[in-house]
Amino acid sequence: MERVIHCMKQVALYKNGECLSYAEYGNKNGFPILIQHGLIASIKDYDLFDRLIQLGARLICIARPGYGASSPYLLQNMAEWAEIVTVLIDELQLSQFDVLGMSSGAPYSYALGYRFPQKVRSIYIFSGIPALYDEKIASCWPHEIKKNADITEMQSLAKELFFPGLSEEDLKKNDIKDSMMNDCFGIAQDLRIRCMDWGFHLSDVIASVFMRHSRYDQGVPVVTAELTARMLPNCSFEAIENDVHFSVEALDDFIVTVIAKQSLLS
């Protein structure tokens, strides 16, 4: 099927006019899938989803606050993300859709499932960040948790952790450029609110969730994924025998063996 790239546009949000940037790819008449991107990402990198496009899906990739052209709006919690996306869902007149969340996009995917129980058909989670608001899961987390950090502190941390010594070639990459926008605001916000009260409980997410995680993932231990899966009332969890947190090949396999089998994309 020939790839059709529909549009890139901004949506004014609420009364103070913040903008939400999104891009649509694929079949205009295909079943919609809302893409919730990872920590370092760009909605311009649609090649990650070539397989879904070939299968006839309509992809809607949404840039979280601070990423790319999306305004650096300070979220109170994960639940507020779904309130923001309401504007886009209404504008596109989406009556039903799936959600695909990768890595840091997982909590935002659950937020959509919580906010739209009648609209979200299935949630697909690939190497997802766990429910760090839960004390038991947080106790298994190998990284420092800073629940009281302000956004400025986390912006400095993001630059230190992810962007030291970048080459000129690195700075040309979409994911690097869009993630560094607004002084790394998007990454900083994600690191901050993932550990706070999300504004909802996973037990209230009724959509079918299909979760895949690497058994030997060093950055996001599989035990945290397993515990998160148990909190979801309708979750199918699969641990695969490797140590890959993310790769294009692994994502493609997830699309072929899980999403394509569960969804009627064409």
Foldseek 3Di string as FASTA:
>chain_A
DDKDWDDWDWDFFDDVGWTKIKTKIAAPPWAEEEEQEALQDFNVPCVLPPVLRVLGFIYIYIDPDQFDRTHNDQDPALLVLLVRCVRVCVVSVQQAHEYEYAALRVSNNLSNLLVCVRHYAEYEYALYAFQLLDPVLVVVAPDDQDQPDDLVVLLVVCCVPPPPPDDPVRCPDNSNVRCCGPSNSSSSSSSHRSNHPRVDFLCSRQHAYEYEHECQAPNHHVVRVVVRQVRHPHYDYYYDHDHDSDDSVVSVCCCVPPVVVVDNTD
